[in-house]
Amino acid sequence: MKLRVLLALLFASVSLINAQDEKIDMLMFEPVYNSYSPNVVSKVILEDGTVVEGFRDDVDRKKGQIYYVKLKDSITGEKKEFNAEQIKEMYLFPGGFEKFTKSASYMFDARRWGSQDLQSDLIDKGFIFFKKQTVSLKNKKDERELLMQLINPKFSSLIEVYGDPMAKKTTGLGIGGFNVAGGLAKSYYFKKGDNIFWLEKKNLDDYYENLFGDNTEFMAKYPKKNIKWKMLGEYVFMYTKMSLE
């Protein structure tokens, strides 16, 4: 069994490399992670600025998004509980098989980026970054405060993109029961200014002006009639780069 898993991991790394070349634009976004290590010290920053560190003990979700976290003190073993409305930011480390895919994705990330918006050594070390947002899930539900994974932490100064753990995906590559190459997510949450909304692949045309319409140089380079969902990561990065130059 161990040999089977090892071979699966090895093949997954090769598959991820190949998939990276084919899907490089969307993989400019962080993958959305759903498992978190209980053995690596996590960090929670509360709204009042208090920093709490400890091992991840429990995480509860609403439609995939985190609304409750419990940490266990690494020394005393004391457990502390926090609801999303108490937390400003949070850093968790991926667990299980997702830890491997996170490490693999960062090999390519290092090649791609020379700078980042969020100056955090924890992000550089592979931690997953969450921010509290007041959001209407799928633009339909009552708004509530949730901890959402920021998936473009290195180019998020103008447009923040948050993962949708419930997103449907295009076909991925399955190996030994694992979905190693992923598939492209068909929906994300976007925040520009104070407006945060859920965007599906089929509605990208409808939101083009909302996201990019205030930059004529960008629209000339990436006209609406030619946009492709798989290029969305590049669009957000280039819009940010061209707007800040």
C-alpha atoms as a PDB file:
ATOM      1  CA  MET A   1       0.000   0.000   0.000  1.00  0.00           C
ATOM      2  CA  LYS A   2       2.825   2.396   0.898  1.00  0.00           C
ATOM      3  CA  LEU A   3       4.542   1.627  -2.397  1.00  0.00           C
ATOM      4  CA  ARG A   4       1.303   2.315  -4.255  1.00  0.00           C
ATOM      5  CA  VAL A   5       0.899   5.673  -2.554  1.00  0.00           C
ATOM      6  CA  LEU A   6       4.559   6.560  -3.182  1.00  0.00           C
ATOM      7  CA  LEU A   7       4.232   5.731  -6.856  1.00  0.00           C
ATOM      8  CA  ALA A   8       1.024   7.746  -7.017  1.00  0.00           C
ATOM      9  CA  LEU A   9       2.786  10.745  -5.478  1.00  0.00           C
ATOM     10  CA  LEU A  10       5.716  10.412  -7.861  1.00  0.00           C
ATOM     11  CA  PHE A  11       3.431  10.155 -10.864  1.00  0.00           C
ATOM     12  CA  ALA A  12       1.381  13.029  -9.505  1.00  0.00           C
ATOM     13  CA  SER A  13       4.425  15.286  -9.470  1.00  0.00           C
ATOM     14  CA  VAL A  14       5.139  14.497 -13.119  1.00  0.00           C
ATOM     15  CA  SER A  15       1.481  14.954 -13.988  1.00  0.00           C
ATOM     16  CA  LEU A  16       1.370  18.258 -12.170  1.00  0.00           C
ATOM     17  CA  ILE A  17       4.403  19.478 -14.095  1.00  0.00           C
ATOM     18  CA  ASN A  18       2.733  18.576 -17.380  1.00  0.00           C
ATOM     19  CA  ALA A  19      -0.571  20.035 -16.261  1.00  0.00           C
ATOM     20  CA  GLN A  20       1.224  23.198 -15.211  1.00  0.00           C
ATOM     21  CA  ASP A  21       2.365  23.853 -18.750  1.00  0.00           C
ATOM     22  CA  GLU A  22      -1.152  23.303 -20.099  1.00  0.00           C
ATOM     23  CA  LYS A  23      -2.953  25.257 -17.378  1.00  0.00           C
ATOM     24  CA  ILE A  24      -0.287  27.756 -16.378  1.00  0.00           C
ATOM     25  CA  ASP A  25      -2.663  30.715 -16.455  1.00  0.00           C
ATOM     26  CA  MET A  26      -5.253  29.371 -14.034  1.00  0.00           C
ATOM     27  CA  LEU A  27      -2.518  27.941 -11.825  1.00  0.00           C
ATOM     28  CA  MET A  28      -1.370  31.479 -11.261  1.00  0.00           C
ATOM     29  CA  PHE A  29      -4.156  31.184  -8.710  1.00  0.00           C
ATOM     30  CA  GLU A  30      -3.504  29.053  -5.653  1.00  0.00           C
ATOM     31  CA  PRO A  31      -5.404  25.768  -5.605  1.00  0.00           C
ATOM     32  CA  VAL A  32      -8.255  25.681  -3.110  1.00  0.00           C
ATOM     33  CA  TYR A  33      -7.301  23.513  -0.131  1.00  0.00           C
ATOM     34  CA  ASN A  34      -9.771  21.664   2.074  1.00  0.00           C
ATOM     35  CA  SER A  35      -7.527  19.799   4.516  1.00  0.00           C
ATOM     36  CA  TYR A  36      -5.223  21.412   7.064  1.00  0.00           C
ATOM     37  CA  SER A  37      -2.387  19.930   9.052  1.00  0.00           C
ATOM     38  CA  PRO A  38      -2.946  19.353  12.795  1.00  0.00           C
ATOM     39  CA  ASN A  39       0.832  19.052  13.249  1.00  0.00           C
ATOM     40  CA  VAL A  40       2.029  22.460  12.053  1.00  0.00           C
ATOM     41  CA  VAL A  41       1.464  25.575  14.158  1.00  0.00           C
ATOM     42  CA  SER A  42      -1.255  27.758  12.632  1.00  0.00           C
ATOM     43  CA  LYS A  43      -1.673  31.490  13.179  1.00  0.00           C
ATOM     44  CA  VAL A  44      -4.861  33.463  13.745  1.00  0.00           C
ATOM     45  CA  ILE A  45      -4.924  37.277  13.846  1.00  0.00           C
ATOM     46  CA  LEU A  46      -7.974  38.615  15.648  1.00  0.00           C
ATOM     47  CA  GLU A  47      -9.806  41.831  14.820  1.00  0.00           C
ATOM     48  CA  ASP A  48      -8.186  43.588  17.798  1.00  0.00           C
ATOM     49  CA  GLY A  49      -4.721  42.640  16.560  1.00  0.00           C
ATOM     50  CA  THR A  50      -4.150  39.773  18.998  1.00  0.00           C
ATOM     51  CA  VAL A  51      -2.095  36.955  17.488  1.00  0.00           C
ATOM     52  CA  VAL A  52      -3.007  33.411  18.514  1.00  0.00           C
ATOM     53  CA  GLU A  53      -0.880  30.434  17.528  1.00  0.00           C
ATOM     54  CA  GLY A  54      -1.599  26.740  17.951  1.00  0.00           C
ATOM     55  CA  PHE A  55      -2.294  23.452  16.233  1.00  0.00           C
ATOM     56  CA  ARG A  56      -5.443  23.209  14.144  1.00  0.00           C
ATOM     57  CA  ASP A  57      -7.920  21.190  16.193  1.00  0.00           C
ATOM     58  CA  ASP A  58     -11.217  21.745  14.398  1.00  0.00           C
ATOM     59  CA  VAL A  59     -12.613  23.652  11.415  1.00  0.00           C
ATOM     60  CA  ASP A  60     -16.309  24.038  10.616  1.00  0.00           C
ATOM     61  CA  ARG A  61     -17.726  25.212   7.297  1.00  0.00           C
ATOM     62  CA  LYS A  62     -20.756  26.723   5.659  1.00  0.00           C
ATOM     63  CA  LYS A  63     -21.037  25.717   1.996  1.00  0.00           C
ATOM     64  CA  GLY A  64     -17.320  25.025   2.034  1.00  0.00           C
ATOM     65  CA  GLN A  65     -16.282  28.347   3.600  1.00  0.00           C
ATOM     66  CA  ILE A  66     -14.881  28.447   7.152  1.00  0.00           C
ATOM     67  CA  TYR A  67     -16.962  30.015   9.930  1.00  0.00           C
ATOM     68  CA  TYR A  68     -15.408  28.417  13.042  1.00  0.00           C
ATOM     69  CA  VAL A  69     -11.873  27.435  14.093  1.00  0.00           C
ATOM     70  CA  LYS A  70     -10.481  25.700  17.167  1.00  0.00           C
ATOM     71  CA  LEU A  71      -6.756  25.804  17.976  1.00  0.00           C
ATOM     72  CA  LYS A  72      -4.794  23.809  20.557  1.00  0.00           C
ATOM     73  CA  ASP A  73      -1.896  25.548  22.309  1.00  0.00           C
ATOM     74  CA  SER A  74       1.355  23.850  21.312  1.00  0.00           C
ATOM     75  CA  ILE A  75       2.695  23.956  24.884  1.00  0.00           C
ATOM     76  CA  THR A  76      -0.229  23.829  27.309  1.00  0.00           C
ATOM     77  CA  GLY A  77      -2.693  21.916  25.143  1.00  0.00           C
ATOM     78  CA  GLU A  78      -5.375  24.499  25.978  1.00  0.00           C
ATOM     79  CA  LYS A  79      -8.047  24.743  23.302  1.00  0.00           C
ATOM     80  CA  LYS A  80      -9.297  28.111  22.053  1.00  0.00           C
ATOM     81  CA  GLU A  81     -12.345  28.608  19.871  1.00  0.00           C
ATOM     82  CA  PHE A  82     -13.014  31.434  17.424  1.00  0.00           C
ATOM     83  CA  ASN A  83     -15.899  32.317  15.137  1.00  0.00           C
ATOM     84  CA  ALA A  84     -15.159  33.964  11.802  1.00  0.00           C
ATOM     85  CA  GLU A  85     -16.403  37.385  12.950  1.00  0.00           C
ATOM     86  CA  GLN A  86     -13.623  37.449  15.579  1.00  0.00           C
ATOM     87  CA  ILE A  87     -10.842  36.793  13.067  1.00  0.00           C
ATOM     88  CA  LYS A  88      -9.210  39.217  10.638  1.00  0.00           C
ATOM     89  CA  GLU A  89      -6.695  36.870   8.989  1.00  0.00           C
ATOM     90  CA  MET A  90      -5.621  33.263   9.352  1.00  0.00           C
ATOM     91  CA  TYR A  91      -2.760  31.055   8.190  1.00  0.00           C
ATOM     92  CA  LEU A  92      -3.205  27.272   8.032  1.00  0.00           C
ATOM     93  CA  PHE A  93      -0.824  24.688   6.621  1.00  0.00           C
ATOM     94  CA  PRO A  94      -2.170  22.142   4.121  1.00  0.00           C
ATOM     95  CA  GLY A  95      -2.495  18.585   5.332  1.00  0.00           C
ATOM     96  CA  GLY A  96      -2.497  15.114   3.856  1.00  0.00           C
ATOM     97  CA  PHE A  97      -2.061  14.735   0.126  1.00  0.00           C
ATOM     98  CA  GLU A  98      -2.764  18.436  -0.395  1.00  0.00           C
ATOM     99  CA  LYS A  99       0.507  19.234   1.384  1.00  0.00           C
ATOM    100  CA  PHE A 100       2.327  17.499  -1.454  1.00  0.00           C
ATOM    101  CA  THR A 101       0.450  19.315  -4.202  1.00  0.00           C
ATOM    102  CA  LYS A 102       1.048  22.627  -2.401  1.00  0.00           C
ATOM    103  CA  SER A 103       4.800  22.013  -2.393  1.00  0.00           C
ATOM    104  CA  ALA A 104       4.749  21.061  -6.068  1.00  0.00           C
ATOM    105  CA  SER A 105       2.771  24.151  -7.028  1.00  0.00           C
ATOM    106  CA  TYR A 106       5.278  26.383  -5.276  1.00  0.00           C
ATOM    107  CA  MET A 107       8.120  25.058  -7.422  1.00  0.00           C
ATOM    108  CA  PHE A 108       6.405  26.730 -10.367  1.00  0.00           C
ATOM    109  CA  ASP A 109       5.275  29.720  -8.362  1.00  0.00           C
ATOM    110  CA  ALA A 110       8.896  30.567  -7.588  1.00  0.00           C
ATOM    111  CA  ARG A 111       9.686  30.544 -11.303  1.00  0.00           C
ATOM    112  CA  ARG A 112       6.759  32.772 -12.126  1.00  0.00           C
ATOM    113  CA  TRP A 113       6.869  35.551  -9.565  1.00  0.00           C
ATOM    114  CA  GLY A 114       9.530  38.012  -8.595  1.00  0.00           C
ATOM    115  CA  SER A 115       7.451  40.006  -6.102  1.00  0.00           C
ATOM    116  CA  GLN A 116       4.207  39.841  -4.191  1.00  0.00           C
ATOM    117  CA  ASP A 117       1.644  42.162  -2.652  1.00  0.00           C
ATOM    118  CA  LEU A 118       1.411  40.445   0.717  1.00  0.00           C
ATOM    119  CA  GLN A 119       4.800  40.403   2.429  1.00  0.00           C
ATOM    120  CA  SER A 120       4.389  37.301   4.559  1.00  0.00           C
ATOM    121  CA  ASP A 121       7.062  34.731   5.263  1.00  0.00           C
ATOM    122  CA  LEU A 122       4.269  32.302   6.120  1.00  0.00           C
ATOM    123  CA  ILE A 123       2.882  32.524   2.582  1.00  0.00           C
ATOM    124  CA  ASP A 124       6.379  31.984   1.219  1.00  0.00           C
ATOM    125  CA  LYS A 125       6.682  28.898   3.426  1.00  0.00           C
ATOM    126  CA  GLY A 126       3.539  27.387   1.925  1.00  0.00           C
ATOM    127  CA  PHE A 127       0.845  28.405   4.385  1.00  0.00           C
ATOM    128  CA  ILE A 128      -2.684  28.980   3.111  1.00  0.00           C
ATOM    129  CA  PHE A 129      -3.910  32.541   3.673  1.00  0.00           C
ATOM    130  CA  PHE A 130      -7.484  33.332   4.717  1.00  0.00           C
ATOM    131  CA  LYS A 131      -9.227  36.682   5.153  1.00  0.00           C
ATOM    132  CA  LYS A 132     -12.587  37.429   6.680  1.00  0.00           C
ATOM    133  CA  GLN A 133     -15.159  38.656   4.189  1.00  0.00           C
ATOM    134  CA  THR A 134     -18.822  39.522   4.430  1.00  0.00           C
ATOM    135  CA  VAL A 135     -20.250  37.632   1.498  1.00  0.00           C
ATOM    136  CA  SER A 136     -23.453  36.329  -0.022  1.00  0.00           C
ATOM    137  CA  LEU A 137     -22.761  32.745  -1.036  1.00  0.00           C
ATOM    138  CA  LYS A 138     -23.405  32.304  -4.762  1.00  0.00           C
ATOM    139  CA  ASN A 139     -24.941  35.816  -4.765  1.00  0.00           C
ATOM    140  CA  LYS A 140     -28.149  34.295  -3.376  1.00  0.00           C
ATOM    141  CA  LYS A 141     -27.895  33.789   0.369  1.00  0.00           C
ATOM    142  CA  ASP A 142     -28.017  36.293   3.212  1.00  0.00           C
ATOM    143  CA  GLU A 143     -24.626  37.882   3.825  1.00  0.00           C
ATOM    144  CA  ARG A 144     -22.487  36.439   6.596  1.00  0.00           C
ATOM    145  CA  GLU A 145     -18.901  36.723   7.779  1.00  0.00           C
ATOM    146  CA  LEU A 146     -16.709  33.839   6.608  1.00  0.00           C
ATOM    147  CA  LEU A 147     -13.009  33.075   6.383  1.00  0.00           C
ATOM    148  CA  MET A 148     -12.165  32.720   2.704  1.00  0.00           C
ATOM    149  CA  GLN A 149      -8.967  31.521   1.042  1.00  0.00           C
ATOM    150  CA  LEU A 150      -7.261  34.256  -0.953  1.00  0.00           C
ATOM    151  CA  ILE A 151      -5.922  32.474  -4.022  1.00  0.00           C
ATOM    152  CA  ASN A 152      -3.996  35.358  -5.596  1.00  0.00           C
ATOM    153  CA  PRO A 153      -2.032  36.600  -2.554  1.00  0.00           C
ATOM    154  CA  LYS A 154       0.881  37.733  -4.686  1.00  0.00           C
ATOM    155  CA  PHE A 155      -1.108  40.074  -6.946  1.00  0.00           C
ATOM    156  CA  SER A 156      -4.165  41.040  -4.931  1.00  0.00           C
ATOM    157  CA  SER A 157      -3.772  44.788  -4.439  1.00  0.00           C
ATOM    158  CA  LEU A 158      -6.587  45.692  -6.885  1.00  0.00           C
ATOM    159  CA  ILE A 159      -8.609  42.501  -7.339  1.00  0.00           C
ATOM    160  CA  GLU A 160      -8.824  39.836  -4.673  1.00  0.00           C
ATOM    161  CA  VAL A 161      -9.800  36.351  -5.818  1.00  0.00           C
ATOM    162  CA  TYR A 162     -11.176  33.860  -3.305  1.00  0.00           C
ATOM    163  CA  GLY A 163     -11.601  30.149  -3.753  1.00  0.00           C
ATOM    164  CA  ASP A 164     -14.975  28.490  -4.032  1.00  0.00           C
ATOM    165  CA  PRO A 165     -14.605  25.089  -2.323  1.00  0.00           C
ATOM    166  CA  MET A 166     -17.949  24.040  -3.807  1.00  0.00           C
ATOM    167  CA  ALA A 167     -16.984  24.929  -7.370  1.00  0.00           C
ATOM    168  CA  LYS A 168     -17.671  22.497 -10.162  1.00  0.00           C
ATOM    169  CA  LYS A 169     -14.546  21.566 -12.103  1.00  0.00           C
ATOM    170  CA  THR A 170     -13.493  20.604 -15.562  1.00  0.00           C
ATOM    171  CA  THR A 171     -12.159  17.082 -15.990  1.00  0.00           C
ATOM    172  CA  GLY A 172      -9.042  16.363 -13.954  1.00  0.00           C
ATOM    173  CA  LEU A 173      -6.587  13.489 -13.882  1.00  0.00           C
ATOM    174  CA  GLY A 174      -7.345  10.792 -11.320  1.00  0.00           C
ATOM    175  CA  ILE A 175      -4.613   8.489 -10.008  1.00  0.00           C
ATOM    176  CA  GLY A 176      -5.216   5.862  -7.360  1.00  0.00           C
ATOM    177  CA  GLY A 177      -8.324   7.645  -6.177  1.00  0.00           C
ATOM    178  CA  PHE A 178      -6.607  11.038  -6.057  1.00  0.00           C
ATOM    179  CA  ASN A 179      -7.520  13.970  -8.305  1.00  0.00           C
ATOM    180  CA  VAL A 180      -3.887  14.951  -8.761  1.00  0.00           C
ATOM    181  CA  ALA A 181      -3.956  17.410 -11.615  1.00  0.00           C
ATOM    182  CA  GLY A 182      -7.153  19.027 -10.506  1.00  0.00           C
ATOM    183  CA  GLY A 183      -9.303  20.456 -13.278  1.00  0.00           C
ATOM    184  CA  LEU A 184     -10.095  24.093 -13.642  1.00  0.00           C
ATOM    185  CA  ALA A 185     -12.574  25.461 -11.128  1.00  0.00           C
ATOM    186  CA  LYS A 186     -15.678  26.871 -12.814  1.00  0.00           C
ATOM    187  CA  SER A 187     -16.362  29.559 -10.215  1.00  0.00           C
ATOM    188  CA  TYR A 188     -14.572  31.955  -7.858  1.00  0.00           C
ATOM    189  CA  TYR A 189     -15.388  34.880  -5.593  1.00  0.00           C
ATOM    190  CA  PHE A 190     -13.999  38.247  -6.684  1.00  0.00           C
ATOM    191  CA  LYS A 191     -13.579  41.407  -4.638  1.00  0.00           C
ATOM    192  CA  LYS A 192     -12.872  44.731  -6.271  1.00  0.00           C
ATOM    193  CA  GLY A 193     -13.200  47.787  -4.073  1.00  0.00           C
ATOM    194  CA  ASP A 194     -15.945  47.031  -1.560  1.00  0.00           C
ATOM    195  CA  ASN A 195     -17.876  44.775  -3.929  1.00  0.00           C
ATOM    196  CA  ILE A 196     -17.516  41.019  -3.517  1.00  0.00           C
ATOM    197  CA  PHE A 197     -19.394  38.640  -5.802  1.00  0.00           C
ATOM    198  CA  TRP A 198     -19.504  35.055  -7.041  1.00  0.00           C
ATOM    199  CA  LEU A 199     -18.496  34.580 -10.673  1.00  0.00           C
ATOM    200  CA  GLU A 200     -19.187  31.477 -12.754  1.00  0.00           C
ATOM    201  CA  LYS A 201     -17.368  30.553 -15.937  1.00  0.00           C
ATOM    202  CA  LYS A 202     -20.511  30.991 -18.022  1.00  0.00           C
ATOM    203  CA  ASN A 203     -20.935  34.589 -16.793  1.00  0.00           C
ATOM    204  CA  LEU A 204     -17.403  35.881 -17.382  1.00  0.00           C
ATOM    205  CA  ASP A 205     -18.511  38.064 -20.306  1.00  0.00           C
ATOM    206  CA  ASP A 206     -21.105  39.767 -18.100  1.00  0.00           C
ATOM    207  CA  TYR A 207     -18.486  40.766 -15.516  1.00  0.00           C
ATOM    208  CA  TYR A 208     -15.697  41.790 -17.906  1.00  0.00           C
ATOM    209  CA  GLU A 209     -16.326  45.547 -17.612  1.00  0.00           C
ATOM    210  CA  ASN A 210     -16.887  45.299 -13.879  1.00  0.00           C
ATOM    211  CA  LEU A 211     -13.459  43.740 -13.413  1.00  0.00           C
ATOM    212  CA  PHE A 212     -11.324  45.329 -16.113  1.00  0.00           C
ATOM    213  CA  GLY A 213     -13.327  48.143 -17.730  1.00  0.00           C
ATOM    214  CA  ASP A 214     -11.426  50.982 -16.045  1.00  0.00           C
ATOM    215  CA  ASN A 215      -8.176  50.134 -17.845  1.00  0.00           C
ATOM    216  CA  THR A 216      -8.318  50.883 -21.578  1.00  0.00           C
ATOM    217  CA  GLU A 217      -4.796  49.568 -22.156  1.00  0.00           C
ATOM    218  CA  PHE A 218      -5.783  46.212 -20.702  1.00  0.00           C
ATOM    219  CA  MET A 219      -8.984  46.042 -22.756  1.00  0.00           C
ATOM    220  CA  ALA A 220      -7.027  46.733 -25.928  1.00  0.00           C
ATOM    221  CA  LYS A 221      -4.616  43.899 -25.137  1.00  0.00           C
ATOM    222  CA  TYR A 222      -7.313  41.511 -23.909  1.00  0.00           C
ATOM    223  CA  PRO A 223     -10.566  42.442 -25.701  1.00  0.00           C
ATOM    224  CA  LYS A 224     -13.812  41.059 -24.345  1.00  0.00           C
ATOM    225  CA  LYS A 225     -14.556  39.066 -27.495  1.00  0.00           C
ATOM    226  CA  ASN A 226     -11.368  37.019 -27.053  1.00  0.00           C
ATOM    227  CA  ILE A 227     -11.397  36.285 -23.329  1.00  0.00           C
ATOM    228  CA  LYS A 228     -11.064  32.706 -22.106  1.00  0.00           C
ATOM    229  CA  TRP A 229     -11.788  31.346 -18.642  1.00  0.00           C
ATOM    230  CA  LYS A 230      -8.528  29.400 -18.511  1.00  0.00           C
ATOM    231  CA  MET A 231      -6.649  32.709 -18.876  1.00  0.00           C
ATOM    232  CA  LEU A 232      -8.341  34.338 -15.890  1.00  0.00           C
ATOM    233  CA  GLY A 233      -5.258  34.205 -13.676  1.00  0.00           C
ATOM    234  CA  GLU A 234      -3.205  36.023 -16.293  1.00  0.00           C
ATOM    235  CA  TYR A 235      -5.950  38.607 -16.780  1.00  0.00           C
ATOM    236  CA  VAL A 236      -6.032  39.511 -13.092  1.00  0.00           C
ATOM    237  CA  PHE A 237      -2.246  39.647 -12.891  1.00  0.00           C
ATOM    238  CA  MET A 238      -1.813  41.727 -16.059  1.00  0.00           C
ATOM    239  CA  TYR A 239      -4.655  44.086 -15.116  1.00  0.00           C
ATOM    240  CA  THR A 240      -2.945  44.682 -11.772  1.00  0.00           C
ATOM    241  CA  LYS A 241       0.488  45.116 -13.344  1.00  0.00           C
ATOM    242  CA  MET A 242      -0.737  47.477 -16.060  1.00  0.00           C
ATOM    243  CA  SER A 243      -2.853  49.530 -13.647  1.00  0.00           C
ATOM    244  CA  LEU A 244       0.012  50.065 -11.195  1.00  0.00           C
ATOM    245  CA  GLU A 245       2.715  50.899 -13.723  1.00  0.00           C
END
